[in-house]
Amino acid sequence: MLLAATVAVAAAPTSAAAAVTPANDPWYQAPANIAALEPGAVIRSRGTALQVAPGLKLPFKAHQVLYRTADQQGRPVATAATIIMPLRRPATNRKLVSHQIAYDGLASKCMPSYALRTGTYAEPVAEMALIAGELAKGWTVVTSDYEGPDNLWIAGKMAGQAVLDGIRAAQAYEPAGLDGAATPVGLTGYSGGGHATAWANELAATYAPELDIKGATQGGVPANPDLLLGSLDGGPFAGVLFAAITGLMRAYPDIDFSPYLNNKGRATMRQVGKECITEFIVARPFQTLRSLSTVPDIRKIPEVQQVIAENTLGTRPPSVPTLMYHAKDDELVAYPGAAIAAAQYCEQGATLQFLSVRGGHAGPAVTQASRALSYLQQRFAGLPAPTTCPAPPREAN
């Protein structure tokens, strides 16, 4: 759900090597003893090149680590993170930025660790422009496959835990040259990446209290699944609705959703489950959830309401000073969801700067990039964090 979402198409693999996705690459397989490993433990690693297209490499040195985390139900799983070194990094007091890419997909070909290594999927590759700004500051960057091995898109707990465990893995990975848990950390992400950032931000105090997270920036956050699904239903981006439901269904395998879907619904969910956002966002405009279901409003089913409630942001305050921004004219991720979450954060005593911006959904990823970068730089410097609480969101360019 980011800058490439409405204009890019997924690039096709151009060689037999590129066709080896995480789904069939043995490197991604979890070991038999994964339950015995600590969260964030590195299972295996490899050096990697970063490509913006097949054969077109970037100059940054990078490594990939497979590490232990937990899924939505707390079961141990293995997922990957890409650790990217700046061209010039300081000899001491190195900073780490956990940058959540909005990869927004339900298939392994969408994963950042695959896309950045092969240059075969547009959205993570496009976001390298934002990551380059962080690297230019001399910061090391870690970006995780936070949806996990089963691509649990929009599953909040899975994403937050995977982000925090990816930070732990980067800090423990010796070639990254960091100072372990003493490493100052910043969190950042936009849209789907902002969603994962926000969940990590809410969970950090209890799930990873040892991390020295200085601040977070989260923009275009799909904070409320109920409002998101309702705003997308029957609209031009209805494909996102079906994909979000598919991701949440995967995250709750003990709940049988099949009685609520008709034959068309089950077929749609199966197909969407093989796609990235650059495919499902353009394939199903103006379709309705009612046309795929056996009930008048699937969102009113008790099991679905439970899932929605468990994946709604705002029930816990951010762990650190936070910049949150959202476009009032966002056509893809409904603005009220973010505004409600921000108000709840303020009520809970958060140090939050919430800005109302312009530019639809895609625009703020670019127009607010320098603001987000500056915010993290100030938090790393120990400067006082601004806040807009408890006033209404401030209008910003």
Protein backbone atom coordinates (compact mmCIF):
# COMPACT_ATOMS: atom_id res chain seq x y z
CA MET A 1 0.00 0.00 0.00
CA LEU A 2 2.69 2.50 -0.91
CA LEU A 3 4.03 4.76 -3.63
CA ALA A 4 4.33 2.04 -6.24
CA ALA A 5 0.99 0.46 -5.47
CA THR A 6 -1.27 2.19 -7.95
CA VAL A 7 1.17 2.59 -10.82
CA ALA A 8 3.68 -0.26 -10.76
CA VAL A 9 3.36 -3.80 -12.00
CA ALA A 10 5.22 -6.71 -10.49
CA ALA A 11 8.35 -7.43 -12.45
CA ALA A 12 8.62 -11.00 -13.62
CA PRO A 13 11.64 -13.15 -12.82
CA THR A 14 13.99 -13.22 -15.77
CA SER A 15 16.03 -16.30 -14.98
CA ALA A 16 15.77 -19.73 -13.44
CA ALA A 17 17.64 -18.44 -10.38
CA ALA A 18 15.11 -15.65 -9.87
CA ALA A 19 12.29 -18.21 -9.99
CA VAL A 20 13.54 -19.73 -6.71
CA THR A 21 11.30 -17.85 -4.29
CA PRO A 22 11.24 -18.15 -0.49
CA ALA A 23 8.49 -20.75 -0.91
CA ASN A 24 10.94 -23.22 -2.45
CA ASP A 25 14.32 -21.93 -1.25
CA PRO A 26 15.74 -24.24 1.47
CA TRP A 27 17.52 -21.26 3.06
CA TYR A 28 14.17 -20.08 4.44
CA GLN A 29 13.27 -23.36 6.12
CA ALA A 30 12.93 -23.33 9.89
CA PRO A 31 15.06 -25.81 11.84
CA ALA A 32 13.43 -28.65 13.74
CA ASN A 33 14.51 -27.13 17.06
CA ILE A 34 13.09 -23.65 16.43
CA ALA A 35 10.93 -23.76 19.57
CA ALA A 36 14.10 -24.04 21.67
CA LEU A 37 15.57 -20.82 20.22
CA GLU A 38 15.18 -17.40 21.81
CA PRO A 39 13.14 -14.76 19.93
CA GLY A 40 15.46 -12.98 17.52
CA ALA A 41 18.03 -15.80 17.46
CA VAL A 42 19.85 -15.96 14.12
CA ILE A 43 19.36 -19.34 12.45
CA ARG A 44 21.51 -18.78 9.37
CA SER A 45 22.86 -15.92 7.29
CA ARG A 46 24.26 -15.03 3.89
CA GLY A 47 25.72 -12.06 2.11
CA THR A 48 23.57 -10.59 -0.62
CA ALA A 49 23.55 -7.97 -3.34
CA LEU A 50 20.72 -5.43 -3.59
CA GLN A 51 19.17 -4.97 -7.02
CA VAL A 52 16.70 -2.39 -8.32
CA ALA A 53 16.19 -4.60 -11.37
CA PRO A 54 17.67 -7.96 -12.35
CA GLY A 55 21.36 -7.31 -12.98
CA LEU A 56 21.28 -3.70 -11.76
CA LYS A 57 23.02 -3.74 -8.38
CA LEU A 58 23.18 -1.07 -5.69
CA PRO A 59 26.54 -0.26 -4.04
CA PHE A 60 25.50 -1.06 -0.46
CA LYS A 61 26.86 -4.07 1.37
CA ALA A 62 24.06 -6.23 2.72
CA HIS A 63 23.45 -9.45 4.62
CA GLN A 64 20.36 -11.54 5.12
CA VAL A 65 19.56 -13.38 8.33
CA LEU A 66 16.91 -15.98 9.03
CA TYR A 67 15.73 -15.61 12.60
CA ARG A 68 13.24 -16.96 15.10
CA THR A 69 10.06 -15.03 15.82
CA ALA A 70 6.43 -15.90 16.59
CA ASP A 71 3.25 -15.80 14.54
CA GLN A 72 -0.13 -14.31 15.44
CA GLN A 73 -0.89 -17.25 17.75
CA GLY A 74 2.52 -17.17 19.45
CA ARG A 75 3.86 -20.22 17.63
CA PRO A 76 7.57 -20.11 16.72
CA VAL A 77 8.33 -19.43 13.06
CA ALA A 78 11.35 -18.38 11.03
CA THR A 79 11.41 -15.26 8.89
CA ALA A 80 14.11 -13.23 7.18
CA ALA A 81 15.60 -9.76 7.52
CA THR A 82 17.92 -7.82 5.26
CA ILE A 83 20.64 -5.82 7.03
CA ILE A 84 22.04 -2.99 4.91
CA MET A 85 25.28 -1.16 5.74
CA PRO A 86 25.82 2.53 4.92
CA LEU A 87 28.69 3.37 2.60
CA ARG A 88 30.26 5.37 5.42
CA ARG A 89 29.44 4.24 8.90
CA PRO A 90 30.88 5.66 12.10
CA ALA A 91 33.50 3.70 13.97
CA THR A 92 31.52 3.93 17.21
CA ASN A 93 28.01 4.73 18.46
CA ARG A 94 26.35 3.21 15.42
CA LYS A 95 22.61 3.66 15.00
CA LEU A 96 20.13 1.11 13.68
CA VAL A 97 16.95 2.00 11.82
CA SER A 98 14.28 -0.66 11.51
CA HIS A 99 12.59 0.29 8.25
CA GLN A 100 9.35 -1.55 7.54
CA ILE A 101 8.79 -1.81 3.81
CA ALA A 102 5.16 -1.77 2.66
CA TYR A 103 5.44 -4.97 0.72
CA ASP A 104 1.74 -5.72 1.11
CA GLY A 105 1.42 -9.17 -0.35
CA LEU A 106 0.23 -12.71 0.22
CA ALA A 107 2.89 -14.63 -1.71
CA SER A 108 6.55 -15.26 -1.04
CA LYS A 109 7.55 -13.39 -4.22
CA CYS A 110 6.39 -10.20 -2.44
CA MET A 111 8.83 -10.54 0.50
CA PRO A 112 11.50 -7.80 0.78
CA SER A 113 14.30 -10.30 1.33
CA TYR A 114 13.48 -11.82 -2.06
CA ALA A 115 12.57 -8.65 -3.93
CA LEU A 116 15.64 -6.67 -2.83
CA ARG A 117 17.94 -9.57 -3.65
CA THR A 118 16.49 -10.20 -7.12
CA GLY A 119 15.03 -6.84 -8.15
CA THR A 120 11.85 -8.62 -9.25
CA TYR A 121 9.02 -6.86 -7.38
CA ALA A 122 8.46 -3.14 -7.70
CA GLU A 123 7.25 -2.05 -4.28
CA PRO A 124 10.24 -2.96 -2.05
CA VAL A 125 12.61 -1.84 -4.80
CA ALA A 126 10.89 1.58 -5.00
CA GLU A 127 11.20 1.99 -1.25
CA MET A 128 14.99 1.68 -1.47
CA ALA A 129 14.94 5.40 -2.30
CA LEU A 130 13.66 6.07 1.23
CA ILE A 131 16.13 3.63 2.77
CA ALA A 132 18.97 5.35 0.89
CA GLY A 133 18.23 8.52 2.85
CA GLU A 134 18.69 6.66 6.11
CA LEU A 135 21.90 5.04 4.90
CA ALA A 136 23.20 8.48 3.89
CA LYS A 137 23.01 9.46 7.59
CA GLY A 138 25.44 6.64 8.39
CA TRP A 139 22.74 4.50 9.95
CA THR A 140 22.57 0.75 9.50
CA VAL A 141 19.15 -0.39 8.25
CA VAL A 142 17.30 -3.63 8.94
CA THR A 143 14.13 -4.48 7.04
CA SER A 144 12.21 -7.63 7.88
CA ASP A 145 9.80 -9.99 6.17
CA TYR A 146 7.45 -9.12 9.02
CA GLU A 147 4.44 -10.99 7.62
CA GLY A 148 6.28 -14.21 8.37
CA PRO A 149 6.66 -17.34 6.24
CA ASP A 150 2.91 -17.67 5.62
CA ASN A 151 2.45 -14.02 4.58
CA LEU A 152 -0.04 -13.03 7.28
CA TRP A 153 -0.77 -9.62 5.80
CA ILE A 154 -2.45 -7.13 8.22
CA ALA A 155 -1.98 -9.51 11.19
CA GLY A 156 -0.78 -6.97 13.76
CA LYS A 157 0.82 -9.11 16.45
CA MET A 158 2.75 -11.15 13.88
CA ALA A 159 4.11 -7.99 12.26
CA GLY A 160 5.07 -6.25 15.51
CA GLN A 161 6.84 -9.27 16.95
CA ALA A 162 8.71 -9.95 13.70
CA VAL A 163 9.91 -6.33 13.55
CA LEU A 164 11.21 -6.42 17.12
CA ASP A 165 12.84 -9.81 16.67
CA GLY A 166 14.41 -8.56 13.44
CA ILE A 167 16.04 -5.78 15.47
CA ARG A 168 17.30 -8.35 17.96
CA ALA A 169 18.70 -10.46 15.12
CA ALA A 170 20.50 -7.49 13.55
CA GLN A 171 22.00 -6.50 16.90
CA ALA A 172 23.21 -10.05 17.54
CA TYR A 173 24.61 -10.53 14.03
CA GLU A 174 28.33 -9.86 14.42
CA PRO A 175 29.08 -8.70 10.84
CA ALA A 176 26.59 -5.85 11.35
CA GLY A 177 29.06 -4.35 13.84
CA LEU A 178 26.43 -3.06 16.27
CA ASP A 179 26.54 -2.76 20.06
CA GLY A 180 23.93 -5.38 20.86
CA ALA A 181 20.95 -4.23 22.92
CA ALA A 182 22.77 -0.95 23.67
CA THR A 183 22.41 0.09 20.02
CA PRO A 184 20.15 3.16 19.61
CA VAL A 185 17.21 2.18 17.40
CA GLY A 186 14.67 4.08 15.31
CA LEU A 187 11.46 2.63 13.87
CA THR A 188 9.98 3.85 10.61
CA GLY A 189 7.48 2.82 7.97
CA TYR A 190 4.66 4.05 5.76
CA SER A 191 1.30 2.46 4.90
CA GLY A 192 1.69 -1.30 5.31
CA GLY A 193 5.13 -0.54 6.71
CA GLY A 194 3.57 2.03 9.03
CA HIS A 195 1.15 -0.64 10.21
CA ALA A 196 4.02 -2.98 11.14
CA THR A 197 5.91 -0.07 12.75
CA ALA A 198 2.89 0.93 14.82
CA TRP A 199 2.41 -2.62 16.07
CA ALA A 200 6.08 -2.91 17.00
CA ASN A 201 5.76 0.47 18.73
CA GLU A 202 2.79 -0.72 20.79
CA LEU A 203 4.34 -4.10 21.67
CA ALA A 204 7.95 -3.06 22.38
CA ALA A 205 7.49 -2.17 26.05
CA THR A 206 6.31 -5.68 26.93
CA TYR A 207 7.72 -7.86 24.14
CA ALA A 208 11.22 -6.39 23.81
CA PRO A 209 11.83 -4.00 26.73
CA GLU A 210 15.61 -4.37 26.46
CA LEU A 211 15.74 -2.55 23.10
CA ASP A 212 16.91 1.07 23.21
CA ILE A 213 14.31 2.48 20.82
CA LYS A 214 14.60 6.26 20.64
CA GLY A 215 11.65 7.15 18.44
CA ALA A 216 9.31 6.07 15.68
CA THR A 217 7.70 7.52 12.55
CA GLN A 218 4.58 5.87 11.16
CA GLY A 219 2.57 7.28 8.26
CA GLY A 220 -0.54 6.25 6.36
CA VAL A 221 -1.29 3.62 8.99
CA PRO A 222 -4.24 1.25 8.43
CA ALA A 223 -5.05 1.36 12.14
CA ASN A 224 -8.61 0.08 12.15
CA PRO A 225 -9.48 -2.97 10.00
CA ASP A 226 -13.23 -2.43 10.38
CA LEU A 227 -13.08 1.12 9.02
CA LEU A 228 -10.61 0.05 6.34
CA LEU A 229 -12.77 -2.82 5.10
CA GLY A 230 -15.89 -0.69 5.14
CA SER A 231 -14.29 2.14 3.16
CA LEU A 232 -12.88 -0.20 0.49
CA ASP A 233 -15.97 -2.34 -0.07
CA GLY A 234 -17.32 -1.84 -3.59
CA GLY A 235 -14.78 0.87 -4.37
CA PRO A 236 -11.93 1.12 -6.88
CA PHE A 237 -9.49 -0.55 -4.46
CA ALA A 238 -11.75 -3.40 -3.39
CA GLY A 239 -8.98 -5.91 -4.15
CA VAL A 240 -7.17 -4.66 -1.04
CA LEU A 241 -10.25 -5.57 1.02
CA PHE A 242 -10.20 -9.18 -0.18
CA ALA A 243 -6.46 -9.47 0.35
CA ALA A 244 -6.69 -8.11 3.89
CA ILE A 245 -9.38 -10.64 4.74
CA THR A 246 -7.27 -13.42 3.26
CA GLY A 247 -4.26 -12.43 5.36
CA LEU A 248 -6.32 -12.33 8.54
CA MET A 249 -7.94 -15.69 7.75
CA ARG A 250 -4.48 -17.21 7.50
CA ALA A 251 -3.52 -15.72 10.85
CA TYR A 252 -6.39 -17.51 12.59
CA PRO A 253 -6.29 -21.10 11.29
CA ASP A 254 -8.41 -22.33 14.20
CA ILE A 255 -11.37 -20.25 13.02
CA ASP A 256 -13.34 -21.72 10.12
CA PHE A 257 -14.33 -18.83 7.87
CA SER A 258 -15.41 -21.04 4.96
CA PRO A 259 -19.15 -21.12 5.85
CA TYR A 260 -19.28 -17.35 5.34
CA LEU A 261 -17.86 -17.47 1.80
CA ASN A 262 -19.68 -18.64 -1.32
CA ASN A 263 -17.95 -20.44 -4.18
CA LYS A 264 -16.93 -17.15 -5.78
CA GLY A 265 -15.58 -15.93 -2.46
CA ARG A 266 -13.48 -19.03 -1.89
CA ALA A 267 -12.09 -18.88 -5.43
CA THR A 268 -11.29 -15.18 -5.04
CA MET A 269 -9.47 -15.72 -1.76
CA ARG A 270 -7.45 -18.58 -3.26
CA GLN A 271 -6.34 -16.42 -6.18
CA VAL A 272 -5.63 -13.33 -4.08
CA GLY A 273 -3.48 -15.53 -1.86
CA LYS A 274 -0.99 -15.87 -4.71
CA GLU A 275 -0.63 -12.14 -5.38
CA CYS A 276 1.14 -8.95 -4.34
CA ILE A 277 -0.62 -5.59 -4.06
CA THR A 278 0.45 -4.56 -7.55
CA GLU A 279 -1.71 -7.44 -8.77
CA PHE A 280 -4.72 -7.56 -6.47
CA ILE A 281 -5.20 -3.78 -6.31
CA VAL A 282 -5.92 -3.56 -10.06
CA ALA A 283 -7.69 -6.88 -10.64
CA ARG A 284 -10.94 -6.50 -8.67
CA PRO A 285 -12.21 -2.92 -8.71
CA PHE A 286 -15.75 -2.21 -7.50
CA GLN A 287 -16.43 -5.76 -6.33
CA THR A 288 -18.36 -6.10 -3.10
CA LEU A 289 -17.79 -8.32 -0.12
CA ARG A 290 -21.48 -9.22 -0.17
CA SER A 291 -21.06 -10.80 -3.62
CA LEU A 292 -18.49 -13.19 -2.16
CA SER A 293 -20.22 -14.10 1.08
CA THR A 294 -23.15 -16.15 2.33
CA VAL A 295 -24.20 -13.59 4.96
CA PRO A 296 -25.38 -9.97 4.66
CA ASP A 297 -22.29 -8.51 6.37
CA ILE A 298 -19.38 -10.80 7.19
CA ARG A 299 -17.91 -8.10 9.45
CA LYS A 300 -20.78 -8.64 11.89
CA ILE A 301 -19.98 -12.32 12.48
CA PRO A 302 -18.74 -12.70 16.12
CA GLU A 303 -15.54 -14.51 15.09
CA VAL A 304 -14.76 -11.78 12.55
CA GLN A 305 -15.45 -9.04 15.09
CA GLN A 306 -13.02 -10.78 17.45
CA VAL A 307 -10.33 -10.83 14.77
CA ILE A 308 -10.96 -7.17 13.91
CA ALA A 309 -10.73 -6.15 17.58
CA GLU A 310 -7.46 -8.01 18.09
CA ASN A 311 -5.95 -6.27 15.07
CA THR A 312 -7.04 -2.71 15.82
CA LEU A 313 -4.35 -0.27 16.90
CA GLY A 314 -4.79 2.19 19.75
CA THR A 315 -5.35 -0.09 22.74
CA ARG A 316 -1.78 0.40 23.98
CA PRO A 317 0.27 3.60 23.90
CA PRO A 318 3.38 3.84 21.72
CA SER A 319 6.49 2.79 23.60
CA VAL A 320 8.55 5.79 22.46
CA PRO A 321 8.12 9.35 21.12
CA THR A 322 6.27 9.03 17.84
CA LEU A 323 5.59 11.03 14.69
CA MET A 324 2.34 9.92 13.05
CA TYR A 325 1.02 11.46 9.85
CA HIS A 326 -1.89 10.76 7.54
CA ALA A 327 -3.52 12.43 4.55
CA LYS A 328 -7.11 13.55 5.07
CA ASP A 329 -7.72 12.85 1.37
CA ASP A 330 -6.26 9.33 1.57
CA GLU A 331 -8.28 7.32 -0.94
CA LEU A 332 -6.87 3.95 0.08
CA VAL A 333 -6.46 3.94 3.87
CA ALA A 334 -9.33 5.74 5.60
CA TYR A 335 -8.13 8.77 7.60
CA PRO A 336 -10.54 8.30 10.56
CA GLY A 337 -8.85 5.06 11.63
CA ALA A 338 -5.51 6.79 12.16
CA ALA A 339 -7.13 9.83 13.79
CA ILE A 340 -9.00 7.64 16.28
CA ALA A 341 -5.84 5.68 17.16
CA ALA A 342 -3.92 8.95 17.61
CA ALA A 343 -6.60 10.30 19.96
CA GLN A 344 -6.44 7.11 22.01
CA TYR A 345 -2.65 7.38 22.18
CA CYS A 346 -2.97 10.91 23.52
CA GLU A 347 -5.49 9.78 26.13
CA GLN A 348 -2.96 7.15 27.24
CA GLY A 349 -0.24 9.76 27.78
CA ALA A 350 1.85 9.18 24.66
CA THR A 351 4.43 11.64 23.38
CA LEU A 352 2.84 11.91 19.96
CA GLN A 353 3.04 14.39 17.12
CA PHE A 354 0.10 13.69 14.81
CA LEU A 355 0.06 15.62 11.55
CA SER A 356 -2.74 15.89 9.02
CA VAL A 357 -1.16 16.18 5.57
CA ARG A 358 -2.19 16.27 1.92
CA GLY A 359 -1.40 14.11 -1.07
CA GLY A 360 -3.75 11.14 -1.12
CA HIS A 361 -2.25 7.85 -0.08
CA ALA A 362 0.91 7.64 -2.15
CA GLY A 363 2.07 11.25 -1.87
CA PRO A 364 3.04 11.50 1.82
CA ALA A 365 5.45 8.58 1.49
CA VAL A 366 7.60 10.98 -0.53
CA THR A 367 6.58 14.44 0.70
CA GLN A 368 7.00 13.54 4.39
CA ALA A 369 10.19 11.49 3.98
CA SER A 370 12.51 14.33 4.99
CA ARG A 371 10.31 15.15 7.99
CA ALA A 372 10.43 11.53 9.15
CA LEU A 373 14.19 11.40 8.65
CA SER A 374 14.67 14.62 10.63
CA TYR A 375 12.43 13.34 13.42
CA LEU A 376 14.57 10.22 13.90
CA GLN A 377 17.76 12.27 13.73
CA GLN A 378 16.47 14.50 16.52
CA ARG A 379 15.51 11.52 18.67
CA PHE A 380 18.96 9.98 18.18
CA ALA A 381 20.43 13.33 19.26
CA GLY A 382 18.38 13.27 22.46
CA LEU A 383 16.40 16.42 21.68
CA PRO A 384 12.97 16.93 23.30
CA ALA A 385 10.20 15.36 21.23
CA PRO A 386 7.35 17.60 20.03
CA THR A 387 3.77 16.67 20.81
CA THR A 388 0.35 17.68 19.52
CA CYS A 389 -1.51 16.02 22.41
CA PRO A 390 -4.15 16.64 23.52
CA ALA A 391 -5.03 19.12 20.75
CA PRO A 392 -6.52 18.02 17.38
CA PRO A 393 -4.06 16.98 14.66
CA ARG A 394 -2.02 19.85 13.26
CA GLU A 395 -2.26 20.61 9.55
CA ALA A 396 1.12 20.30 7.82
CA ASN A 397 2.47 20.51 4.30
